[in-house]
Amino acid sequence: MIRLEDVTKVYKNGKVEVQALKNVSFEIEEGEMVAIMGPSGSGKSTLMHIIGCLHKATSGFYSLNGQDISKASENELARIRNKEIGFVFQQFNLLPKHSVLHNVEVPLIYKGESKKERIERAKDLLNKVGLGHRLKHYPNEISGGQKQRVALARALANNPSIILADEPTGNLDTKTGEEIMDLLQRLNEQGHTIILVTHESNIAAYARRTINLVDGRVKEDVKAS
């Protein structure tokens, strides 16, 4: 599903160059749950942006579902993001002036789904994450854990091949974080490919495989026994 070969990312600030990723190579198979770990500055956020088609690598090869992302235009990257990838962020990124239901509908609006179809799909997804009773509530009326469940439902809206979760429990207390990770684990068991970006070992432990980054390089790639 995902294949990276010698992926390097260099950021330029005037005459200063910062090499955020250095010859990163690995593959992720469909249905895996993988944690990408590393300390601050290790390159894990840069790697997430490249996998998520938000940024392009400076050099190297990246293939997603058989498509060469390295040569994709900005418009193609946007299309791939909308079709293939569901994002879950630490900050939730919900629309504060819209209901829970409408927040989940948003990707389906961009997709061009009819109002009836997108409402039915959004309701089904909110039921799936245990929020069928909060459809008309607004983000400021629900807890942090519930906001992250809404974000998960929204990430699933277009039935993406990958869910990319960036520090998904970072703003949650321990108990609520465990509930979100249990939900992500259940989604993985249902066939969703999950990639977690985290610096917390207890969160990475939910995955069956951990890729550790240090100074922009893959230090180790370990599968759970």
N, C-alpha and C. Protein backbone atom coordinates (compact mmCIF):
# COMPACT_ATOMS: atom_id res chain seq x y z
N MET A 1 0.82 -1.20 0.00
CA MET A 1 0.00 0.00 0.00
C MET A 1 0.86 1.27 0.00
N ILE A 2 1.82 1.33 0.93
CA ILE A 2 2.73 2.48 1.03
C ILE A 2 4.15 1.98 0.85
N ARG A 3 4.88 2.66 -0.02
CA ARG A 3 6.29 2.31 -0.21
C ARG A 3 7.13 3.57 -0.33
N LEU A 4 8.10 3.71 0.56
CA LEU A 4 9.05 4.82 0.52
C LEU A 4 10.44 4.27 0.26
N GLU A 5 11.16 4.89 -0.68
CA GLU A 5 12.54 4.48 -0.99
C GLU A 5 13.43 5.72 -0.97
N ASP A 6 14.35 5.75 -0.02
CA ASP A 6 15.35 6.82 0.07
C ASP A 6 14.73 8.21 0.06
N VAL A 7 13.63 8.36 0.81
CA VAL A 7 12.94 9.66 0.86
C VAL A 7 13.73 10.65 1.71
N THR A 8 14.04 11.78 1.13
CA THR A 8 14.77 12.86 1.80
C THR A 8 13.96 14.14 1.67
N LYS A 9 13.91 14.91 2.76
CA LYS A 9 13.22 16.20 2.73
C LYS A 9 14.15 17.27 3.28
N VAL A 10 14.36 18.30 2.48
CA VAL A 10 15.22 19.42 2.87
C VAL A 10 14.39 20.70 2.86
N TYR A 11 14.42 21.41 3.97
CA TYR A 11 13.75 22.71 4.05
C TYR A 11 14.82 23.80 3.90
N LYS A 12 14.50 24.82 3.10
CA LYS A 12 15.45 25.92 2.89
C LYS A 12 14.90 27.20 3.50
N ASN A 13 15.75 27.89 4.25
CA ASN A 13 15.42 29.19 4.82
C ASN A 13 16.55 30.14 4.46
N GLY A 14 16.38 30.81 3.32
CA GLY A 14 17.48 31.62 2.79
C GLY A 14 18.62 30.71 2.36
N LYS A 15 19.79 30.93 2.93
CA LYS A 15 20.95 30.10 2.60
C LYS A 15 21.08 28.89 3.52
N VAL A 16 20.20 28.82 4.51
CA VAL A 16 20.27 27.73 5.48
C VAL A 16 19.41 26.56 5.02
N GLU A 17 19.98 25.36 5.03
CA GLU A 17 19.25 24.15 4.68
C GLU A 17 19.14 23.23 5.90
N VAL A 18 17.94 22.72 6.13
CA VAL A 18 17.72 21.77 7.21
C VAL A 18 17.23 20.46 6.60
N GLN A 19 17.95 19.38 6.83
CA GLN A 19 17.57 18.07 6.30
C GLN A 19 16.71 17.37 7.33
N ALA A 20 15.39 17.41 7.12
CA ALA A 20 14.44 16.85 8.10
C ALA A 20 14.33 15.34 8.00
N LEU A 21 14.44 14.80 6.78
CA LEU A 21 14.43 13.34 6.56
C LEU A 21 15.62 12.96 5.70
N LYS A 22 16.23 11.81 6.03
CA LYS A 22 17.44 11.39 5.35
C LYS A 22 17.33 9.94 4.89
N ASN A 23 17.06 9.74 3.62
CA ASN A 23 17.04 8.40 3.02
C ASN A 23 16.16 7.42 3.79
N VAL A 24 14.92 7.81 4.00
CA VAL A 24 13.96 6.96 4.73
C VAL A 24 13.33 5.95 3.77
N SER A 25 13.36 4.69 4.15
CA SER A 25 12.78 3.62 3.32
C SER A 25 12.00 2.65 4.20
N PHE A 26 10.77 2.34 3.81
CA PHE A 26 10.00 1.26 4.43
C PHE A 26 8.72 1.05 3.62
N GLU A 27 8.02 -0.04 3.92
CA GLU A 27 6.74 -0.33 3.30
C GLU A 27 5.70 -0.57 4.40
N ILE A 28 4.46 -0.20 4.13
CA ILE A 28 3.34 -0.48 5.03
C ILE A 28 2.28 -1.21 4.22
N GLU A 29 1.87 -2.38 4.72
CA GLU A 29 0.88 -3.19 4.01
C GLU A 29 -0.54 -2.78 4.39
N GLU A 30 -1.47 -3.08 3.50
CA GLU A 30 -2.88 -2.82 3.78
C GLU A 30 -3.32 -3.56 5.05
N GLY A 31 -4.04 -2.85 5.93
CA GLY A 31 -4.56 -3.45 7.14
C GLY A 31 -3.62 -3.40 8.34
N GLU A 32 -2.42 -2.85 8.16
CA GLU A 32 -1.50 -2.73 9.28
C GLU A 32 -1.90 -1.58 10.20
N MET A 33 -1.44 -1.65 11.45
CA MET A 33 -1.53 -0.53 12.39
C MET A 33 -0.10 -0.25 12.82
N VAL A 34 0.42 0.90 12.39
CA VAL A 34 1.83 1.23 12.57
C VAL A 34 1.97 2.52 13.36
N ALA A 35 2.89 2.53 14.31
CA ALA A 35 3.21 3.74 15.06
C ALA A 35 4.54 4.30 14.56
N ILE A 36 4.56 5.60 14.29
CA ILE A 36 5.81 6.28 13.96
C ILE A 36 6.19 7.11 15.17
N MET A 37 7.32 6.76 15.76
CA MET A 37 7.76 7.40 17.00
C MET A 37 9.06 8.17 16.81
N GLY A 38 9.30 9.08 17.74
CA GLY A 38 10.56 9.80 17.74
C GLY A 38 10.45 11.05 18.59
N PRO A 39 11.57 11.53 19.09
CA PRO A 39 11.56 12.76 19.90
C PRO A 39 11.28 13.97 19.03
N SER A 40 11.06 15.10 19.67
CA SER A 40 10.86 16.35 18.94
C SER A 40 12.06 16.60 18.03
N GLY A 41 11.78 16.95 16.77
CA GLY A 41 12.85 17.21 15.83
C GLY A 41 13.38 15.99 15.11
N SER A 42 12.73 14.83 15.34
CA SER A 42 13.22 13.59 14.73
C SER A 42 12.80 13.44 13.27
N GLY A 43 11.78 14.23 12.86
CA GLY A 43 11.31 14.15 11.48
C GLY A 43 9.97 13.46 11.33
N LYS A 44 9.34 13.07 12.45
CA LYS A 44 8.09 12.30 12.33
C LYS A 44 6.94 13.15 11.76
N SER A 45 6.88 14.43 12.09
CA SER A 45 5.82 15.28 11.52
C SER A 45 6.04 15.49 10.02
N THR A 46 7.30 15.67 9.63
CA THR A 46 7.62 15.80 8.20
C THR A 46 7.23 14.53 7.46
N LEU A 47 7.54 13.39 8.06
CA LEU A 47 7.19 12.11 7.43
C LEU A 47 5.68 11.98 7.31
N MET A 48 4.94 12.39 8.35
CA MET A 48 3.48 12.34 8.29
C MET A 48 2.96 13.21 7.15
N HIS A 49 3.53 14.40 6.99
CA HIS A 49 3.09 15.30 5.92
C HIS A 49 3.34 14.71 4.54
N ILE A 50 4.44 13.99 4.39
CA ILE A 50 4.74 13.36 3.10
C ILE A 50 3.81 12.18 2.85
N ILE A 51 3.64 11.31 3.85
CA ILE A 51 2.72 10.18 3.69
C ILE A 51 1.31 10.68 3.41
N GLY A 52 0.91 11.78 4.08
CA GLY A 52 -0.43 12.34 3.91
C GLY A 52 -0.61 13.21 2.68
N CYS A 53 0.43 13.28 1.84
CA CYS A 53 0.37 14.05 0.59
C CYS A 53 0.15 15.54 0.84
N LEU A 54 0.59 16.02 2.00
CA LEU A 54 0.54 17.45 2.29
C LEU A 54 1.80 18.14 1.78
N HIS A 55 2.92 17.43 1.81
CA HIS A 55 4.19 17.92 1.27
C HIS A 55 4.77 16.86 0.35
N LYS A 56 5.66 17.30 -0.54
CA LYS A 56 6.38 16.35 -1.39
C LYS A 56 7.82 16.22 -0.92
N ALA A 57 8.37 15.05 -1.10
CA ALA A 57 9.76 14.82 -0.74
C ALA A 57 10.68 15.62 -1.66
N THR A 58 11.85 15.99 -1.16
CA THR A 58 12.85 16.66 -1.99
C THR A 58 13.45 15.68 -2.98
N SER A 59 13.67 14.45 -2.51
CA SER A 59 14.16 13.38 -3.39
C SER A 59 13.69 12.04 -2.85
N GLY A 60 13.83 11.03 -3.68
CA GLY A 60 13.37 9.69 -3.29
C GLY A 60 12.04 9.35 -3.93
N PHE A 61 11.53 8.18 -3.63
CA PHE A 61 10.32 7.65 -4.26
C PHE A 61 9.27 7.34 -3.21
N TYR A 62 8.03 7.75 -3.48
CA TYR A 62 6.90 7.43 -2.60
C TYR A 62 5.74 6.95 -3.45
N SER A 63 5.28 5.74 -3.16
CA SER A 63 4.16 5.15 -3.88
C SER A 63 3.02 4.87 -2.90
N LEU A 64 1.80 5.27 -3.26
CA LEU A 64 0.60 5.02 -2.46
C LEU A 64 -0.41 4.29 -3.32
N ASN A 65 -0.75 3.08 -2.93
CA ASN A 65 -1.68 2.26 -3.71
C ASN A 65 -1.28 2.18 -5.18
N GLY A 66 0.02 2.04 -5.39
CA GLY A 66 0.53 1.86 -6.74
C GLY A 66 0.73 3.13 -7.53
N GLN A 67 0.40 4.28 -6.96
CA GLN A 67 0.56 5.56 -7.67
C GLN A 67 1.82 6.26 -7.19
N ASP A 68 2.61 6.74 -8.15
CA ASP A 68 3.85 7.45 -7.84
C ASP A 68 3.51 8.87 -7.38
N ILE A 69 3.59 9.08 -6.07
CA ILE A 69 3.26 10.39 -5.50
C ILE A 69 4.35 11.40 -5.79
N SER A 70 5.57 10.92 -6.00
CA SER A 70 6.71 11.81 -6.22
C SER A 70 6.49 12.74 -7.40
N LYS A 71 5.71 12.28 -8.38
CA LYS A 71 5.52 13.06 -9.61
C LYS A 71 4.16 13.75 -9.68
N ALA A 72 3.36 13.66 -8.61
CA ALA A 72 2.00 14.20 -8.62
C ALA A 72 2.02 15.73 -8.53
N SER A 73 1.07 16.36 -9.24
CA SER A 73 0.91 17.81 -9.17
C SER A 73 0.17 18.17 -7.88
N GLU A 74 0.10 19.46 -7.56
CA GLU A 74 -0.62 19.89 -6.35
C GLU A 74 -2.09 19.50 -6.43
N ASN A 75 -2.69 19.62 -7.61
CA ASN A 75 -4.10 19.23 -7.77
C ASN A 75 -4.28 17.73 -7.57
N GLU A 76 -3.33 16.95 -8.08
CA GLU A 76 -3.40 15.50 -7.90
C GLU A 76 -3.22 15.13 -6.43
N LEU A 77 -2.32 15.83 -5.74
CA LEU A 77 -2.11 15.57 -4.32
C LEU A 77 -3.39 15.84 -3.53
N ALA A 78 -4.07 16.93 -3.87
CA ALA A 78 -5.33 17.26 -3.19
C ALA A 78 -6.38 16.18 -3.43
N ARG A 79 -6.46 15.69 -4.66
CA ARG A 79 -7.43 14.63 -4.99
C ARG A 79 -7.11 13.35 -4.23
N ILE A 80 -5.83 13.01 -4.15
CA ILE A 80 -5.40 11.80 -3.44
C ILE A 80 -5.71 11.92 -1.95
N ARG A 81 -5.42 13.09 -1.38
CA ARG A 81 -5.73 13.32 0.04
C ARG A 81 -7.21 13.10 0.33
N ASN A 82 -8.05 13.69 -0.51
CA ASN A 82 -9.50 13.60 -0.29
C ASN A 82 -10.02 12.17 -0.45
N LYS A 83 -9.41 11.42 -1.34
CA LYS A 83 -9.90 10.08 -1.65
C LYS A 83 -9.31 9.00 -0.74
N GLU A 84 -8.01 9.12 -0.46
CA GLU A 84 -7.27 8.00 0.14
C GLU A 84 -6.98 8.14 1.63
N ILE A 85 -7.00 9.38 2.16
CA ILE A 85 -6.47 9.59 3.51
C ILE A 85 -7.47 10.31 4.40
N GLY A 86 -7.69 9.74 5.59
CA GLY A 86 -8.49 10.39 6.61
C GLY A 86 -7.56 10.88 7.71
N PHE A 87 -7.63 12.18 8.03
CA PHE A 87 -6.72 12.77 9.01
C PHE A 87 -7.41 12.94 10.37
N VAL A 88 -6.67 12.62 11.43
CA VAL A 88 -7.10 12.88 12.80
C VAL A 88 -5.98 13.64 13.49
N PHE A 89 -6.28 14.85 13.97
CA PHE A 89 -5.25 15.70 14.54
C PHE A 89 -5.41 15.87 16.04
N GLN A 90 -4.32 16.22 16.70
CA GLN A 90 -4.32 16.47 18.13
C GLN A 90 -5.30 17.58 18.51
N GLN A 91 -5.42 18.60 17.65
CA GLN A 91 -6.26 19.77 17.95
C GLN A 91 -7.70 19.60 17.48
N PHE A 92 -8.06 18.43 16.99
CA PHE A 92 -9.42 18.08 16.53
C PHE A 92 -9.79 18.76 15.21
N ASN A 93 -9.53 20.09 15.10
CA ASN A 93 -9.81 20.84 13.86
C ASN A 93 -11.27 20.76 13.42
N LEU A 94 -12.19 20.88 14.38
CA LEU A 94 -13.61 20.90 14.05
C LEU A 94 -14.06 22.32 13.76
N LEU A 95 -15.15 22.44 13.00
CA LEU A 95 -15.73 23.76 12.70
C LEU A 95 -16.61 24.16 13.89
N PRO A 96 -16.22 25.21 14.65
CA PRO A 96 -16.92 25.52 15.90
C PRO A 96 -18.36 25.99 15.74
N LYS A 97 -18.69 26.56 14.58
CA LYS A 97 -20.04 27.12 14.39
C LYS A 97 -20.99 26.15 13.70
N HIS A 98 -20.56 24.90 13.59
CA HIS A 98 -21.39 23.90 12.92
C HIS A 98 -21.59 22.70 13.84
N SER A 99 -22.71 22.02 13.65
CA SER A 99 -23.06 20.88 14.48
C SER A 99 -22.10 19.72 14.26
N VAL A 100 -22.15 18.78 15.17
CA VAL A 100 -21.38 17.55 15.05
C VAL A 100 -21.70 16.86 13.73
N LEU A 101 -22.97 16.77 13.40
CA LEU A 101 -23.40 16.12 12.16
C LEU A 101 -22.79 16.82 10.95
N HIS A 102 -22.86 18.15 10.92
CA HIS A 102 -22.34 18.89 9.77
C HIS A 102 -20.83 18.74 9.66
N ASN A 103 -20.12 18.69 10.78
CA ASN A 103 -18.68 18.51 10.74
C ASN A 103 -18.30 17.22 10.02
N VAL A 104 -19.08 16.18 10.23
CA VAL A 104 -18.79 14.90 9.58
C VAL A 104 -19.22 14.92 8.11
N GLU A 105 -20.21 15.75 7.81
CA GLU A 105 -20.68 15.88 6.43
C GLU A 105 -19.69 16.57 5.50
N VAL A 106 -18.84 17.44 6.06
CA VAL A 106 -18.01 18.33 5.24
C VAL A 106 -17.25 17.63 4.12
N PRO A 107 -16.50 16.52 4.39
CA PRO A 107 -15.79 15.87 3.29
C PRO A 107 -16.73 15.37 2.19
N LEU A 108 -17.95 15.00 2.58
CA LEU A 108 -18.93 14.50 1.61
C LEU A 108 -19.51 15.62 0.76
N ILE A 109 -19.56 16.82 1.31
CA ILE A 109 -19.98 17.99 0.54
C ILE A 109 -18.98 18.24 -0.58
N TYR A 110 -17.67 18.21 -0.23
CA TYR A 110 -16.62 18.41 -1.24
C TYR A 110 -16.62 17.30 -2.28
N LYS A 111 -17.05 16.13 -1.86
CA LYS A 111 -17.10 14.99 -2.79
C LYS A 111 -18.28 15.11 -3.75
N GLY A 112 -19.29 15.93 -3.38
CA GLY A 112 -20.44 16.11 -4.25
C GLY A 112 -21.60 15.20 -3.95
N GLU A 113 -21.61 14.58 -2.76
CA GLU A 113 -22.72 13.71 -2.37
C GLU A 113 -24.00 14.52 -2.19
N SER A 114 -25.14 13.90 -2.48
CA SER A 114 -26.42 14.58 -2.25
C SER A 114 -26.64 14.78 -0.76
N LYS A 115 -27.50 15.72 -0.40
CA LYS A 115 -27.74 16.03 1.02
C LYS A 115 -28.24 14.79 1.76
N LYS A 116 -29.17 14.07 1.14
CA LYS A 116 -29.73 12.88 1.78
C LYS A 116 -28.65 11.83 2.04
N GLU A 117 -27.82 11.58 1.02
CA GLU A 117 -26.77 10.56 1.14
C GLU A 117 -25.75 10.93 2.20
N ARG A 118 -25.34 12.21 2.22
CA ARG A 118 -24.29 12.58 3.16
C ARG A 118 -24.80 12.61 4.61
N ILE A 119 -26.07 12.97 4.80
CA ILE A 119 -26.63 12.96 6.16
C ILE A 119 -26.72 11.52 6.66
N GLU A 120 -27.16 10.61 5.80
CA GLU A 120 -27.25 9.19 6.19
C GLU A 120 -25.86 8.63 6.52
N ARG A 121 -24.88 8.97 5.69
CA ARG A 121 -23.51 8.50 5.90
C ARG A 121 -22.95 9.07 7.21
N ALA A 122 -23.15 10.36 7.43
CA ALA A 122 -22.63 11.01 8.65
C ALA A 122 -23.27 10.42 9.90
N LYS A 123 -24.58 10.17 9.85
CA LYS A 123 -25.27 9.57 11.00
C LYS A 123 -24.74 8.17 11.27
N ASP A 124 -24.53 7.39 10.22
CA ASP A 124 -24.00 6.03 10.39
C ASP A 124 -22.63 6.06 11.06
N LEU A 125 -21.78 6.99 10.62
CA LEU A 125 -20.42 7.07 11.16
C LEU A 125 -20.43 7.53 12.61
N LEU A 126 -21.30 8.48 12.93
CA LEU A 126 -21.39 8.95 14.32
C LEU A 126 -21.93 7.86 15.23
N ASN A 127 -22.84 7.05 14.73
CA ASN A 127 -23.29 5.89 15.50
C ASN A 127 -22.14 4.91 15.72
N LYS A 128 -21.31 4.77 14.69
CA LYS A 128 -20.17 3.83 14.74
C LYS A 128 -19.18 4.22 15.84
N VAL A 129 -19.01 5.54 16.06
CA VAL A 129 -18.06 5.99 17.09
C VAL A 129 -18.76 6.33 18.41
N GLY A 130 -20.05 5.95 18.51
CA GLY A 130 -20.77 6.10 19.77
C GLY A 130 -21.32 7.48 20.04
N LEU A 131 -21.56 8.26 18.98
CA LEU A 131 -22.06 9.63 19.17
C LEU A 131 -23.37 9.89 18.43
N GLY A 132 -24.12 8.84 18.21
CA GLY A 132 -25.40 9.00 17.52
C GLY A 132 -26.38 9.88 18.26
N HIS A 133 -26.14 10.07 19.57
CA HIS A 133 -27.04 10.88 20.39
C HIS A 133 -26.58 12.34 20.48
N ARG A 134 -25.51 12.71 19.76
CA ARG A 134 -24.97 14.07 19.85
C ARG A 134 -25.01 14.81 18.51
N LEU A 135 -25.85 14.38 17.60
CA LEU A 135 -25.83 14.90 16.23
C LEU A 135 -25.99 16.42 16.15
N LYS A 136 -26.85 16.98 16.99
CA LYS A 136 -27.17 18.41 16.88
C LYS A 136 -26.33 19.28 17.81
N HIS A 137 -25.45 18.65 18.59
CA HIS A 137 -24.59 19.42 19.48
C HIS A 137 -23.47 20.11 18.69
N TYR A 138 -22.90 21.14 19.31
CA TYR A 138 -21.79 21.88 18.71
C TYR A 138 -20.50 21.50 19.45
N PRO A 139 -19.33 21.71 18.80
CA PRO A 139 -18.08 21.31 19.43
C PRO A 139 -17.86 21.83 20.85
N ASN A 140 -18.35 23.05 21.14
CA ASN A 140 -18.15 23.59 22.50
C ASN A 140 -19.11 22.97 23.53
N GLU A 141 -19.99 22.09 23.06
CA GLU A 141 -20.94 21.44 23.96
C GLU A 141 -20.58 19.99 24.26
N ILE A 142 -19.45 19.54 23.74
CA ILE A 142 -19.05 18.15 23.96
C ILE A 142 -17.63 18.10 24.52
N SER A 143 -17.25 16.96 25.10
CA SER A 143 -15.95 16.80 25.74
C SER A 143 -14.84 16.62 24.70
N GLY A 144 -13.59 16.68 25.18
CA GLY A 144 -12.45 16.47 24.29
C GLY A 144 -12.47 15.10 23.63
N GLY A 145 -12.81 14.07 24.41
CA GLY A 145 -12.88 12.73 23.85
C GLY A 145 -13.96 12.61 22.79
N GLN A 146 -15.09 13.28 23.02
CA GLN A 146 -16.17 13.26 22.03
C GLN A 146 -15.76 14.03 20.77
N LYS A 147 -15.01 15.12 20.95
CA LYS A 147 -14.51 15.86 19.77
C LYS A 147 -13.62 14.98 18.93
N GLN A 148 -12.77 14.19 19.59
CA GLN A 148 -11.89 13.32 18.82
C GLN A 148 -12.67 12.20 18.13
N ARG A 149 -13.76 11.76 18.72
CA ARG A 149 -14.63 10.78 18.07
C ARG A 149 -15.29 11.39 16.82
N VAL A 150 -15.69 12.64 16.93
CA VAL A 150 -16.25 13.34 15.76
C VAL A 150 -15.18 13.43 14.67
N ALA A 151 -13.95 13.77 15.08
CA ALA A 151 -12.85 13.86 14.12
C ALA A 151 -12.60 12.51 13.44
N LEU A 152 -12.73 11.43 14.20
CA LEU A 152 -12.57 10.09 13.63
C LEU A 152 -13.68 9.78 12.63
N ALA A 153 -14.91 10.12 13.00
CA ALA A 153 -16.03 9.90 12.08
C ALA A 153 -15.83 10.68 10.79
N ARG A 154 -15.36 11.93 10.93
CA ARG A 154 -15.10 12.76 9.74
C ARG A 154 -13.99 12.14 8.89
N ALA A 155 -12.96 11.60 9.55
CA ALA A 155 -11.84 10.98 8.83
C ALA A 155 -12.30 9.78 8.01
N LEU A 156 -13.36 9.11 8.48
CA LEU A 156 -13.87 7.91 7.81
C LEU A 156 -14.88 8.23 6.71
N ALA A 157 -15.28 9.50 6.60
CA ALA A 157 -16.41 9.87 5.74
C ALA A 157 -16.26 9.39 4.29
N ASN A 158 -15.09 9.57 3.71
CA ASN A 158 -14.89 9.20 2.31
C ASN A 158 -14.35 7.78 2.16
N ASN A 159 -14.46 6.98 3.24
CA ASN A 159 -13.98 5.59 3.23
C ASN A 159 -12.53 5.52 2.74
N PRO A 160 -11.61 6.24 3.41
CA PRO A 160 -10.22 6.29 2.96
C PRO A 160 -9.51 4.97 3.16
N SER A 161 -8.44 4.77 2.39
CA SER A 161 -7.66 3.55 2.56
C SER A 161 -6.75 3.64 3.79
N ILE A 162 -6.46 4.87 4.25
CA ILE A 162 -5.55 5.08 5.38
C ILE A 162 -6.14 6.10 6.35
N ILE A 163 -6.03 5.81 7.65
CA ILE A 163 -6.31 6.82 8.67
C ILE A 163 -4.97 7.24 9.26
N LEU A 164 -4.65 8.52 9.13
CA LEU A 164 -3.40 9.07 9.62
C LEU A 164 -3.69 9.89 10.86
N ALA A 165 -3.25 9.40 12.01
CA ALA A 165 -3.58 10.04 13.29
C ALA A 165 -2.33 10.66 13.91
N ASP A 166 -2.32 11.99 14.00
CA ASP A 166 -1.18 12.73 14.52
C ASP A 166 -1.41 13.09 15.98
N GLU A 167 -0.69 12.41 16.88
CA GLU A 167 -0.84 12.63 18.33
C GLU A 167 -2.33 12.66 18.72
N PRO A 168 -3.10 11.60 18.40
CA PRO A 168 -4.55 11.65 18.56
C PRO A 168 -5.04 11.75 20.00
N THR A 169 -4.15 11.46 20.97
CA THR A 169 -4.55 11.54 22.38
C THR A 169 -3.84 12.67 23.12
N GLY A 170 -3.14 13.51 22.37
CA GLY A 170 -2.29 14.53 22.98
C GLY A 170 -3.02 15.52 23.87
N ASN A 171 -4.28 15.82 23.56
CA ASN A 171 -5.05 16.79 24.35
C ASN A 171 -6.08 16.12 25.27
N LEU A 172 -5.91 14.81 25.50
CA LEU A 172 -6.90 14.07 26.27
C LEU A 172 -6.30 13.51 27.56
N ASP A 173 -7.15 13.32 28.57
CA ASP A 173 -6.67 12.67 29.78
C ASP A 173 -6.44 11.19 29.49
N THR A 174 -5.79 10.52 30.42
CA THR A 174 -5.36 9.13 30.19
C THR A 174 -6.53 8.20 29.86
N LYS A 175 -7.60 8.27 30.63
CA LYS A 175 -8.74 7.37 30.41
C LYS A 175 -9.38 7.61 29.05
N THR A 176 -9.58 8.89 28.71
CA THR A 176 -10.21 9.22 27.42
C THR A 176 -9.29 8.84 26.27
N GLY A 177 -7.98 9.04 26.47
CA GLY A 177 -7.02 8.63 25.45
C GLY A 177 -7.07 7.14 25.18
N GLU A 178 -7.23 6.35 26.25
CA GLU A 178 -7.34 4.90 26.08
C GLU A 178 -8.60 4.53 25.31
N GLU A 179 -9.68 5.25 25.54
CA GLU A 179 -10.93 4.98 24.81
C GLU A 179 -10.76 5.26 23.32
N ILE A 180 -10.06 6.36 23.00
CA ILE A 180 -9.83 6.69 21.59
C ILE A 180 -8.92 5.64 20.94
N MET A 181 -7.90 5.20 21.65
CA MET A 181 -7.00 4.19 21.10
C MET A 181 -7.72 2.85 20.95
N ASP A 182 -8.60 2.51 21.86
CA ASP A 182 -9.41 1.29 21.72
C ASP A 182 -10.27 1.37 20.46
N LEU A 183 -10.81 2.56 20.21
CA LEU A 183 -11.64 2.76 19.02
C LEU A 183 -10.81 2.62 17.74
N LEU A 184 -9.61 3.21 17.74
CA LEU A 184 -8.73 3.08 16.58
C LEU A 184 -8.33 1.62 16.36
N GLN A 185 -8.10 0.92 17.45
CA GLN A 185 -7.74 -0.50 17.35
C GLN A 185 -8.90 -1.32 16.75
N ARG A 186 -10.12 -1.00 17.16
CA ARG A 186 -11.29 -1.70 16.59
C ARG A 186 -11.43 -1.40 15.10
N LEU A 187 -11.18 -0.16 14.72
CA LEU A 187 -11.24 0.21 13.30
C LEU A 187 -10.18 -0.56 12.50
N ASN A 188 -9.01 -0.74 13.10
CA ASN A 188 -7.96 -1.52 12.45
C ASN A 188 -8.40 -2.98 12.29
N GLU A 189 -9.03 -3.52 13.32
CA GLU A 189 -9.52 -4.91 13.26
C GLU A 189 -10.58 -5.08 12.18
N GLN A 190 -11.28 -3.98 11.86
CA GLN A 190 -12.29 -4.01 10.80
C GLN A 190 -11.68 -3.83 9.41
N GLY A 191 -10.36 -3.68 9.36
CA GLY A 191 -9.69 -3.63 8.06
C GLY A 191 -9.06 -2.30 7.69
N HIS A 192 -9.23 -1.27 8.52
CA HIS A 192 -8.65 0.04 8.20
C HIS A 192 -7.15 0.03 8.49
N THR A 193 -6.38 0.61 7.58
CA THR A 193 -4.95 0.82 7.81
C THR A 193 -4.78 2.07 8.66
N ILE A 194 -4.08 1.93 9.78
CA ILE A 194 -3.92 3.04 10.72
C ILE A 194 -2.44 3.37 10.88
N ILE A 195 -2.09 4.65 10.72
CA ILE A 195 -0.73 5.11 10.99
C ILE A 195 -0.81 6.16 12.09
N LEU A 196 -0.15 5.86 13.22
CA LEU A 196 -0.13 6.76 14.36
C LEU A 196 1.20 7.50 14.40
N VAL A 197 1.15 8.79 14.61
CA VAL A 197 2.37 9.56 14.85
C VAL A 197 2.33 9.98 16.31
N THR A 198 3.31 9.53 17.09
CA THR A 198 3.27 9.79 18.52
C THR A 198 4.68 9.81 19.11
N HIS A 199 4.81 10.46 20.27
CA HIS A 199 6.07 10.39 21.01
C HIS A 199 5.88 9.59 22.31
N GLU A 200 4.67 9.03 22.49
CA GLU A 200 4.34 8.32 23.71
C GLU A 200 4.38 6.81 23.50
N SER A 201 5.21 6.13 24.27
CA SER A 201 5.39 4.69 24.09
C SER A 201 4.11 3.90 24.42
N ASN A 202 3.31 4.39 25.39
CA ASN A 202 2.09 3.67 25.74
C ASN A 202 1.06 3.74 24.61
N ILE A 203 1.10 4.80 23.82
CA ILE A 203 0.21 4.92 22.65
C ILE A 203 0.73 4.05 21.51
N ALA A 204 2.03 4.09 21.29
CA ALA A 204 2.64 3.25 20.25
C ALA A 204 2.41 1.77 20.51
N ALA A 205 2.25 1.40 21.77
CA ALA A 205 2.06 -0.01 22.14
C ALA A 205 0.77 -0.60 21.58
N TYR A 206 -0.17 0.24 21.19
CA TYR A 206 -1.42 -0.25 20.58
C TYR A 206 -1.17 -0.79 19.17
N ALA A 207 -0.11 -0.34 18.54
CA ALA A 207 0.20 -0.77 17.16
C ALA A 207 0.92 -2.10 17.18
N ARG A 208 0.89 -2.79 16.05
CA ARG A 208 1.59 -4.07 15.93
C ARG A 208 3.02 -3.87 15.41
N ARG A 209 3.33 -2.62 15.07
CA ARG A 209 4.65 -2.34 14.51
C ARG A 209 5.02 -0.90 14.85
N THR A 210 6.29 -0.67 15.17
CA THR A 210 6.74 0.67 15.51
C THR A 210 7.98 1.03 14.69
N ILE A 211 7.90 2.18 14.03
CA ILE A 211 9.04 2.72 13.29
C ILE A 211 9.59 3.89 14.10
N ASN A 212 10.84 3.77 14.55
CA ASN A 212 11.47 4.81 15.36
C ASN A 212 12.37 5.68 14.50
N LEU A 213 12.14 6.99 14.57
CA LEU A 213 12.98 7.95 13.86
C LEU A 213 13.90 8.67 14.83
N VAL A 214 15.13 8.88 14.41
CA VAL A 214 16.08 9.70 15.16
C VAL A 214 16.87 10.52 14.14
N ASP A 215 16.86 11.84 14.31
CA ASP A 215 17.60 12.75 13.42
C ASP A 215 17.28 12.49 11.94
N GLY A 216 15.99 12.26 11.66
CA GLY A 216 15.56 12.13 10.27
C GLY A 216 15.80 10.79 9.62
N ARG A 217 16.30 9.84 10.39
CA ARG A 217 16.56 8.50 9.84
C ARG A 217 15.76 7.44 10.61
N VAL A 218 15.50 6.33 9.94
CA VAL A 218 14.85 5.20 10.61
C VAL A 218 15.90 4.49 11.46
N LYS A 219 15.73 4.58 12.78
CA LYS A 219 16.67 3.92 13.68
C LYS A 219 16.33 2.44 13.84
N GLU A 220 15.02 2.15 13.96
CA GLU A 220 14.59 0.75 14.05
C GLU A 220 13.15 0.63 13.56
N ASP A 221 12.84 -0.56 13.10
CA ASP A 221 11.50 -0.89 12.59
C ASP A 221 11.15 -2.25 13.18
N VAL A 222 10.30 -2.21 14.23
CA VAL A 222 10.07 -3.41 15.04
C VAL A 222 8.62 -3.85 15.00
N LYS A 223 8.39 -5.13 14.73
CA LYS A 223 7.05 -5.70 14.79
C LYS A 223 6.85 -6.39 16.13
N ALA A 224 5.65 -6.23 16.68
CA ALA A 224 5.34 -6.86 17.96
C ALA A 224 5.36 -8.38 17.79
N SER A 225 5.85 -9.09 18.81
CA SER A 225 5.93 -10.55 18.73
C SER A 225 4.58 -11.17 19.06
